[in-house]
């Protein structure tokens, strides 16, 4: 004989499942009291708590992907003014094989000698370099690395190479001037480093190009009689050391 589906009746204090034709059947669970309902709810709470704990453990064990090292490119440079003739100032940008851009000076020399005691002892060269940053917050050190030759005739002679640097986001003061004390004969080549800590927060595409400007000065003091001294800057490398996100 066809049996009708069970109907559910909700009372204020208990749940009952009634089957009009088969009330003795136990095919369906029967919650007949507050005690049964409370036990059921406690069991469900335990299951939910265990599930949440498992999800939390899984999340804690997830390894965050390592962020890629930001890339800062040295894309252009130009002479502004000074004693480094325009035709002798050339620039090569960085690439995959060369992490630094390079400025080459064809004629940037301070010189004093027996026949030229003062007119060439001090020289200036002002230039700017464009650095292209990613759209992110990047920190690191801008490396400025001059190379050249120096000769100082006697112990009374000194030479200095100084630079006033302008870089948005630069942290701290300019590095100390590079200096040499004689005698340095015959001429010696040199490679020196300046490091400028910085932090750049680039949020928009049109903010990516940052200009580094430098006002450089080379100077040689008066040598002894019949002595010749000079300081030459042949080239200057510029790039970013250890860039990281911040």
C-alpha atoms as a PDB file:
ATOM      1  CA  UNK A   1       0.000   0.000   0.000  1.00  0.00           C
ATOM      2  CA  UNK A   2       1.314   3.516  -0.852  1.00  0.00           C
ATOM      3  CA  UNK A   3       2.673   5.326   2.195  1.00  0.00           C
ATOM      4  CA  UNK A   4       2.464   9.082   2.476  1.00  0.00           C
ATOM      5  CA  UNK A   5       5.644  11.175   3.115  1.00  0.00           C
ATOM      6  CA  UNK A   6       6.298  12.099   6.743  1.00  0.00           C
ATOM      7  CA  UNK A   7       5.193  15.510   7.896  1.00  0.00           C
ATOM      8  CA  UNK A   8       7.074  17.749  10.329  1.00  0.00           C
ATOM      9  CA  UNK A   9       5.395  19.638  13.140  1.00  0.00           C
ATOM     10  CA  UNK A  10       7.272  22.277  15.143  1.00  0.00           C
ATOM     11  CA  UNK A  11       6.272  22.705  18.810  1.00  0.00           C
ATOM     12  CA  UNK A  12       7.534  25.298  21.205  1.00  0.00           C
ATOM     13  CA  UNK A  13       9.596  22.837  23.250  1.00  0.00           C
ATOM     14  CA  UNK A  14      10.394  19.864  21.029  1.00  0.00           C
ATOM     15  CA  UNK A  15      10.596  18.519  17.470  1.00  0.00           C
ATOM     16  CA  UNK A  16       8.389  15.551  16.399  1.00  0.00           C
ATOM     17  CA  UNK A  17       8.383  13.574  13.170  1.00  0.00           C
ATOM     18  CA  UNK A  18       5.036  11.947  12.494  1.00  0.00           C
ATOM     19  CA  UNK A  19       4.212   9.355   9.903  1.00  0.00           C
ATOM     20  CA  UNK A  20       0.529   9.147   9.298  1.00  0.00           C
ATOM     21  CA  UNK A  21       0.629   5.466   8.279  1.00  0.00           C
ATOM     22  CA  UNK A  22       3.773   4.132   9.974  1.00  0.00           C
ATOM     23  CA  UNK A  23       4.488   5.853  13.241  1.00  0.00           C
ATOM     24  CA  UNK A  24       6.651   2.979  14.460  1.00  0.00           C
ATOM     25  CA  UNK A  25       9.118   3.329  11.568  1.00  0.00           C
ATOM     26  CA  UNK A  26      12.628   4.516  12.518  1.00  0.00           C
ATOM     27  CA  UNK A  27      13.630   5.528   8.981  1.00  0.00           C
ATOM     28  CA  UNK A  28      14.006   9.151  10.084  1.00  0.00           C
ATOM     29  CA  UNK A  29      15.881  10.569  13.104  1.00  0.00           C
ATOM     30  CA  UNK A  30      13.646  11.758  15.890  1.00  0.00           C
ATOM     31  CA  UNK A  31      14.611  14.698  18.110  1.00  0.00           C
ATOM     32  CA  UNK A  32      12.167  14.465  20.980  1.00  0.00           C
ATOM     33  CA  UNK A  33      13.677  16.732  23.626  1.00  0.00           C
ATOM     34  CA  UNK A  34      15.949  19.650  24.400  1.00  0.00           C
ATOM     35  CA  UNK A  35      18.610  17.162  25.509  1.00  0.00           C
ATOM     36  CA  UNK A  36      18.705  15.450  22.116  1.00  0.00           C
ATOM     37  CA  UNK A  37      18.844  18.788  20.318  1.00  0.00           C
ATOM     38  CA  UNK A  38      21.640  20.086  22.540  1.00  0.00           C
ATOM     39  CA  UNK A  39      23.699  16.933  22.003  1.00  0.00           C
ATOM     40  CA  UNK A  40      23.263  17.288  18.244  1.00  0.00           C
ATOM     41  CA  UNK A  41      24.318  20.952  18.303  1.00  0.00           C
ATOM     42  CA  UNK A  42      27.366  20.202  20.469  1.00  0.00           C
ATOM     43  CA  UNK A  43      28.451  17.517  18.012  1.00  0.00           C
ATOM     44  CA  UNK A  44      28.116  19.929  15.081  1.00  0.00           C
ATOM     45  CA  UNK A  45      30.090  22.599  16.953  1.00  0.00           C
ATOM     46  CA  UNK A  46      32.931  20.115  17.505  1.00  0.00           C
ATOM     47  CA  UNK A  47      33.004  19.221  13.803  1.00  0.00           C
ATOM     48  CA  UNK A  48      33.065  22.903  12.793  1.00  0.00           C
ATOM     49  CA  UNK A  49      35.839  23.682  15.299  1.00  0.00           C
ATOM     50  CA  UNK A  50      38.000  20.838  13.972  1.00  0.00           C
ATOM     51  CA  UNK A  51      37.431  22.006  10.394  1.00  0.00           C
ATOM     52  CA  UNK A  52      38.458  25.593  11.218  1.00  0.00           C
ATOM     53  CA  UNK A  53      41.578  24.364  13.051  1.00  0.00           C
ATOM     54  CA  UNK A  54      42.558  22.304  10.024  1.00  0.00           C
ATOM     55  CA  UNK A  55      42.118  25.269   7.695  1.00  0.00           C
ATOM     56  CA  UNK A  56      44.201  27.489   9.986  1.00  0.00           C
ATOM     57  CA  UNK A  57      46.998  24.916  10.094  1.00  0.00           C
ATOM     58  CA  UNK A  58      46.965  24.586   6.312  1.00  0.00           C
ATOM     59  CA  UNK A  59      47.159  28.370   5.922  1.00  0.00           C
ATOM     60  CA  UNK A  60      50.042  28.624   8.388  1.00  0.00           C
ATOM     61  CA  UNK A  61      51.992  25.969   6.501  1.00  0.00           C
ATOM     62  CA  UNK A  62      51.526  27.698   3.131  1.00  0.00           C
ATOM     63  CA  UNK A  63      54.852  29.154   1.917  1.00  0.00           C
ATOM     64  CA  UNK A  64      54.598  32.666   0.526  1.00  0.00           C
ATOM     65  CA  UNK A  65      56.117  32.961  -2.961  1.00  0.00           C
ATOM     66  CA  UNK A  66      59.469  34.760  -2.986  1.00  0.00           C
ATOM     67  CA  UNK A  67      59.244  38.244  -4.428  1.00  0.00           C
ATOM     68  CA  UNK A  68      61.335  38.917  -7.509  1.00  0.00           C
ATOM     69  CA  UNK A  69      64.279  41.302  -7.157  1.00  0.00           C
ATOM     70  CA  UNK A  70      63.243  44.713  -8.509  1.00  0.00           C
ATOM     71  CA  UNK A  71      65.120  45.837 -11.617  1.00  0.00           C
ATOM     72  CA  UNK A  72      66.375  49.427 -11.866  1.00  0.00           C
ATOM     73  CA  UNK A  73      67.684  50.474 -15.284  1.00  0.00           C
ATOM     74  CA  UNK A  74      70.101  53.316 -16.065  1.00  0.00           C
ATOM     75  CA  UNK A  75      68.596  54.531 -19.319  1.00  0.00           C
ATOM     76  CA  UNK A  76      70.168  57.895 -20.228  1.00  0.00           C
ATOM     77  CA  UNK A  77      72.607  60.629 -19.218  1.00  0.00           C
ATOM     78  CA  UNK A  78      73.407  64.128 -20.419  1.00  0.00           C
ATOM     79  CA  UNK A  79      75.981  66.779 -19.712  1.00  0.00           C
ATOM     80  CA  UNK A  80      74.618  69.997 -18.239  1.00  0.00           C
ATOM     81  CA  UNK A  81      77.671  72.275 -18.159  1.00  0.00           C
ATOM     82  CA  UNK A  82      81.229  72.571 -16.918  1.00  0.00           C
ATOM     83  CA  UNK A  83      84.758  71.683 -18.012  1.00  0.00           C
ATOM     84  CA  UNK A  84      83.862  68.364 -19.649  1.00  0.00           C
ATOM     85  CA  UNK A  85      83.341  69.284 -23.316  1.00  0.00           C
ATOM     86  CA  UNK A  86      80.068  68.161 -24.853  1.00  0.00           C
ATOM     87  CA  UNK A  87      81.768  66.239 -27.638  1.00  0.00           C
ATOM     88  CA  UNK A  88      83.822  64.239 -25.135  1.00  0.00           C
ATOM     89  CA  UNK A  89      80.892  63.149 -22.946  1.00  0.00           C
ATOM     90  CA  UNK A  90      79.370  59.797 -23.974  1.00  0.00           C
ATOM     91  CA  UNK A  91      77.009  57.372 -22.242  1.00  0.00           C
ATOM     92  CA  UNK A  92      76.241  53.637 -22.473  1.00  0.00           C
ATOM     93  CA  UNK A  93      73.118  52.279 -20.690  1.00  0.00           C
ATOM     94  CA  UNK A  94      73.092  49.103 -18.645  1.00  0.00           C
ATOM     95  CA  UNK A  95      71.973  45.788 -20.150  1.00  0.00           C
ATOM     96  CA  UNK A  96      71.660  42.109 -19.224  1.00  0.00           C
ATOM     97  CA  UNK A  97      75.460  41.689 -19.225  1.00  0.00           C
ATOM     98  CA  UNK A  98      76.381  45.048 -17.657  1.00  0.00           C
ATOM     99  CA  UNK A  99      74.483  46.023 -14.493  1.00  0.00           C
ATOM    100  CA  UNK A 100      75.749  49.623 -14.592  1.00  0.00           C
ATOM    101  CA  UNK A 101      75.427  52.506 -17.016  1.00  0.00           C
ATOM    102  CA  UNK A 102      78.730  54.193 -17.929  1.00  0.00           C
ATOM    103  CA  UNK A 103      79.687  57.795 -18.656  1.00  0.00           C
ATOM    104  CA  UNK A 104      82.995  58.261 -20.508  1.00  0.00           C
ATOM    105  CA  UNK A 105      84.829  61.598 -20.246  1.00  0.00           C
ATOM    106  CA  UNK A 106      87.175  62.374 -23.091  1.00  0.00           C
ATOM    107  CA  UNK A 107      88.744  65.411 -21.414  1.00  0.00           C
ATOM    108  CA  UNK A 108      88.041  65.945 -17.725  1.00  0.00           C
ATOM    109  CA  UNK A 109      91.398  66.716 -16.072  1.00  0.00           C
ATOM    110  CA  UNK A 110      92.753  69.057 -13.386  1.00  0.00           C
ATOM    111  CA  UNK A 111      96.436  69.844 -13.982  1.00  0.00           C
ATOM    112  CA  UNK A 112      99.246  71.940 -12.499  1.00  0.00           C
ATOM    113  CA  UNK A 113     102.893  72.107 -13.542  1.00  0.00           C
ATOM    114  CA  UNK A 114     105.933  74.377 -13.822  1.00  0.00           C
ATOM    115  CA  UNK A 115     104.373  76.334 -16.681  1.00  0.00           C
ATOM    116  CA  UNK A 116     100.749  76.126 -15.546  1.00  0.00           C
ATOM    117  CA  UNK A 117     100.455  76.812 -11.842  1.00  0.00           C
ATOM    118  CA  UNK A 118      96.809  77.756 -11.476  1.00  0.00           C
ATOM    119  CA  UNK A 119      94.574  78.028 -14.538  1.00  0.00           C
ATOM    120  CA  UNK A 120      93.808  74.283 -14.853  1.00  0.00           C
ATOM    121  CA  UNK A 121      94.070  73.151 -11.236  1.00  0.00           C
ATOM    122  CA  UNK A 122      90.288  73.151 -10.694  1.00  0.00           C
ATOM    123  CA  UNK A 123      87.647  71.683 -13.013  1.00  0.00           C
ATOM    124  CA  UNK A 124      83.885  71.128 -12.829  1.00  0.00           C
ATOM    125  CA  UNK A 125      81.409  68.876 -14.626  1.00  0.00           C
ATOM    126  CA  UNK A 126      77.664  68.818 -14.007  1.00  0.00           C
ATOM    127  CA  UNK A 127      75.447  66.101 -15.434  1.00  0.00           C
ATOM    128  CA  UNK A 128      72.269  64.147 -14.827  1.00  0.00           C
ATOM    129  CA  UNK A 129      71.356  60.477 -15.193  1.00  0.00           C
ATOM    130  CA  UNK A 130      67.868  58.994 -15.620  1.00  0.00           C
ATOM    131  CA  UNK A 131      67.087  55.829 -13.625  1.00  0.00           C
ATOM    132  CA  UNK A 132      63.964  53.812 -14.416  1.00  0.00           C
ATOM    133  CA  UNK A 133      62.327  52.139 -11.399  1.00  0.00           C
ATOM    134  CA  UNK A 134      59.551  49.517 -11.284  1.00  0.00           C
ATOM    135  CA  UNK A 135      56.081  50.396 -10.028  1.00  0.00           C
ATOM    136  CA  UNK A 136      56.772  49.465  -6.411  1.00  0.00           C
ATOM    137  CA  UNK A 137      58.596  50.637  -3.322  1.00  0.00           C
ATOM    138  CA  UNK A 138      62.295  49.969  -3.921  1.00  0.00           C
ATOM    139  CA  UNK A 139      65.254  50.560  -1.629  1.00  0.00           C
ATOM    140  CA  UNK A 140      68.975  50.025  -2.058  1.00  0.00           C
ATOM    141  CA  UNK A 141      72.215  51.922  -2.682  1.00  0.00           C
ATOM    142  CA  UNK A 142      73.001  54.005  -5.738  1.00  0.00           C
ATOM    143  CA  UNK A 143      76.611  53.200  -6.632  1.00  0.00           C
ATOM    144  CA  UNK A 144      78.675  55.943  -8.292  1.00  0.00           C
ATOM    145  CA  UNK A 145      82.095  54.585  -9.288  1.00  0.00           C
ATOM    146  CA  UNK A 146      84.645  56.977 -10.849  1.00  0.00           C
ATOM    147  CA  UNK A 147      87.814  55.681 -12.546  1.00  0.00           C
ATOM    148  CA  UNK A 148      90.879  57.492 -13.788  1.00  0.00           C
ATOM    149  CA  UNK A 149      94.506  58.422 -13.154  1.00  0.00           C
ATOM    150  CA  UNK A 150      96.280  60.545 -10.572  1.00  0.00           C
ATOM    151  CA  UNK A 151      99.845  61.824 -10.266  1.00  0.00           C
ATOM    152  CA  UNK A 152     101.073  64.020  -7.407  1.00  0.00           C
ATOM    153  CA  UNK A 153     104.566  65.488  -7.595  1.00  0.00           C
ATOM    154  CA  UNK A 154     105.543  65.614  -3.912  1.00  0.00           C
ATOM    155  CA  UNK A 155     104.340  65.222  -0.337  1.00  0.00           C
ATOM    156  CA  UNK A 156     102.842  68.713  -0.264  1.00  0.00           C
ATOM    157  CA  UNK A 157     100.450  67.982  -3.117  1.00  0.00           C
ATOM    158  CA  UNK A 158      96.896  66.702  -2.711  1.00  0.00           C
ATOM    159  CA  UNK A 159      94.008  65.972  -5.054  1.00  0.00           C
ATOM    160  CA  UNK A 160      90.273  65.747  -4.373  1.00  0.00           C
ATOM    161  CA  UNK A 161      87.176  64.650  -6.271  1.00  0.00           C
ATOM    162  CA  UNK A 162      83.887  65.775  -4.730  1.00  0.00           C
ATOM    163  CA  UNK A 163      80.264  65.570  -5.827  1.00  0.00           C
ATOM    164  CA  UNK A 164      77.065  67.243  -4.676  1.00  0.00           C
ATOM    165  CA  UNK A 165      74.347  64.691  -5.415  1.00  0.00           C
ATOM    166  CA  UNK A 166      70.624  65.222  -5.904  1.00  0.00           C
ATOM    167  CA  UNK A 167      68.420  62.106  -5.895  1.00  0.00           C
ATOM    168  CA  UNK A 168      64.741  62.084  -4.851  1.00  0.00           C
ATOM    169  CA  UNK A 169      64.343  59.603  -2.019  1.00  0.00           C
ATOM    170  CA  UNK A 170      68.014  59.808  -1.013  1.00  0.00           C
ATOM    171  CA  UNK A 171      68.609  58.909   2.634  1.00  0.00           C
ATOM    172  CA  UNK A 172      71.391  60.662   4.552  1.00  0.00           C
ATOM    173  CA  UNK A 173      74.194  63.021   3.569  1.00  0.00           C
ATOM    174  CA  UNK A 174      76.503  62.956   0.556  1.00  0.00           C
ATOM    175  CA  UNK A 175      79.563  60.715   0.927  1.00  0.00           C
ATOM    176  CA  UNK A 176      82.890  62.349   1.738  1.00  0.00           C
ATOM    177  CA  UNK A 177      85.067  63.615  -1.100  1.00  0.00           C
ATOM    178  CA  UNK A 178      87.665  61.270  -2.561  1.00  0.00           C
ATOM    179  CA  UNK A 179      91.202  62.401  -1.746  1.00  0.00           C
ATOM    180  CA  UNK A 180      94.832  61.520  -2.499  1.00  0.00           C
ATOM    181  CA  UNK A 181      98.106  62.685  -0.962  1.00  0.00           C
ATOM    182  CA  UNK A 182     101.478  62.777  -2.723  1.00  0.00           C
ATOM    183  CA  UNK A 183     103.942  61.773  -3.686  1.00  0.00           C
ATOM    184  CA  UNK A 184     102.342  59.536  -6.304  1.00  0.00           C
ATOM    185  CA  UNK A 185     104.855  59.202  -9.114  1.00  0.00           C
ATOM    186  CA  UNK A 186     104.548  57.822 -11.734  1.00  0.00           C
ATOM    187  CA  UNK A 187     100.819  58.123 -12.358  1.00  0.00           C
ATOM    188  CA  UNK A 188      98.512  55.566 -10.766  1.00  0.00           C
ATOM    189  CA  UNK A 189      95.084  54.429 -11.834  1.00  0.00           C
ATOM    190  CA  UNK A 190      92.235  54.469  -9.319  1.00  0.00           C
ATOM    191  CA  UNK A 191      88.719  53.094  -8.842  1.00  0.00           C
ATOM    192  CA  UNK A 192      86.639  54.546  -6.015  1.00  0.00           C
ATOM    193  CA  UNK A 193      83.066  54.023  -4.812  1.00  0.00           C
ATOM    194  CA  UNK A 194      80.341  56.326  -3.603  1.00  0.00           C
ATOM    195  CA  UNK A 195      77.168  54.769  -2.211  1.00  0.00           C
ATOM    196  CA  UNK A 196      73.955  56.735  -1.759  1.00  0.00           C
ATOM    197  CA  UNK A 197      71.203  54.923   0.224  1.00  0.00           C
ATOM    198  CA  UNK A 198      67.737  55.620  -1.170  1.00  0.00           C
ATOM    199  CA  UNK A 199      64.095  54.564  -1.000  1.00  0.00           C
ATOM    200  CA  UNK A 200      61.750  55.237  -3.924  1.00  0.00           C
ATOM    201  CA  UNK A 201      57.992  54.600  -3.751  1.00  0.00           C
ATOM    202  CA  UNK A 202      56.732  54.528  -7.356  1.00  0.00           C
ATOM    203  CA  UNK A 203      52.933  54.339  -7.566  1.00  0.00           C
ATOM    204  CA  UNK A 204      52.159  55.502 -11.103  1.00  0.00           C
ATOM    205  CA  UNK A 205      53.614  54.730 -14.510  1.00  0.00           C
ATOM    206  CA  UNK A 206      54.566  58.365 -15.123  1.00  0.00           C
ATOM    207  CA  UNK A 207      56.676  58.428 -11.926  1.00  0.00           C
ATOM    208  CA  UNK A 208      59.049  55.621 -12.923  1.00  0.00           C
ATOM    209  CA  UNK A 209      61.866  57.815 -14.313  1.00  0.00           C
ATOM    210  CA  UNK A 210      63.934  59.336 -11.500  1.00  0.00           C
ATOM    211  CA  UNK A 211      66.695  61.870 -12.236  1.00  0.00           C
ATOM    212  CA  UNK A 212      70.022  61.669 -10.398  1.00  0.00           C
ATOM    213  CA  UNK A 213      71.942  64.949 -10.747  1.00  0.00           C
ATOM    214  CA  UNK A 214      75.599  65.454  -9.832  1.00  0.00           C
ATOM    215  CA  UNK A 215      77.782  68.556  -9.574  1.00  0.00           C
ATOM    216  CA  UNK A 216      81.350  67.253  -9.574  1.00  0.00           C
ATOM    217  CA  UNK A 217      84.619  69.046  -8.862  1.00  0.00           C
ATOM    218  CA  UNK A 218      88.237  67.904  -9.223  1.00  0.00           C
ATOM    219  CA  UNK A 219      91.074  69.907  -7.695  1.00  0.00           C
ATOM    220  CA  UNK A 220      94.865  69.610  -7.411  1.00  0.00           C
ATOM    221  CA  UNK A 221      96.944  71.727  -5.004  1.00  0.00           C
ATOM    222  CA  UNK A 222     100.144  73.559  -5.924  1.00  0.00           C
ATOM    223  CA  UNK A 223     103.132  71.184  -6.320  1.00  0.00           C
ATOM    224  CA  UNK A 224     106.778  71.908  -5.560  1.00  0.00           C
ATOM    225  CA  UNK A 225     109.143  73.560  -8.062  1.00  0.00           C
ATOM    226  CA  UNK A 226     109.385  71.752 -11.395  1.00  0.00           C
ATOM    227  CA  UNK A 227     106.780  69.209 -10.316  1.00  0.00           C
ATOM    228  CA  UNK A 228     103.789  68.119 -12.357  1.00  0.00           C
ATOM    229  CA  UNK A 229     100.508  66.896 -10.861  1.00  0.00           C
ATOM    230  CA  UNK A 230      97.114  65.994 -12.293  1.00  0.00           C
ATOM    231  CA  UNK A 231      93.845  64.205 -11.584  1.00  0.00           C
ATOM    232  CA  UNK A 232      91.874  62.726 -14.487  1.00  0.00           C
ATOM    233  CA  UNK A 233      88.364  61.237 -14.489  1.00  0.00           C
ATOM    234  CA  UNK A 234      88.141  58.803 -17.404  1.00  0.00           C
ATOM    235  CA  UNK A 235      84.772  57.188 -16.731  1.00  0.00           C
ATOM    236  CA  UNK A 236      82.030  56.853 -14.169  1.00  0.00           C
ATOM    237  CA  UNK A 237      79.780  53.812 -13.600  1.00  0.00           C
ATOM    238  CA  UNK A 238      76.299  54.288 -12.132  1.00  0.00           C
ATOM    239  CA  UNK A 239      73.904  51.589 -10.954  1.00  0.00           C
ATOM    240  CA  UNK A 240      71.899  50.213  -8.036  1.00  0.00           C
ATOM    241  CA  UNK A 241      73.336  47.752  -5.507  1.00  0.00           C
ATOM    242  CA  UNK A 242      71.143  45.150  -3.781  1.00  0.00           C
ATOM    243  CA  UNK A 243      67.706  46.515  -4.732  1.00  0.00           C
ATOM    244  CA  UNK A 244      64.871  45.095  -2.622  1.00  0.00           C
ATOM    245  CA  UNK A 245      61.186  45.825  -2.157  1.00  0.00           C
ATOM    246  CA  UNK A 246      60.210  47.842   0.906  1.00  0.00           C
END
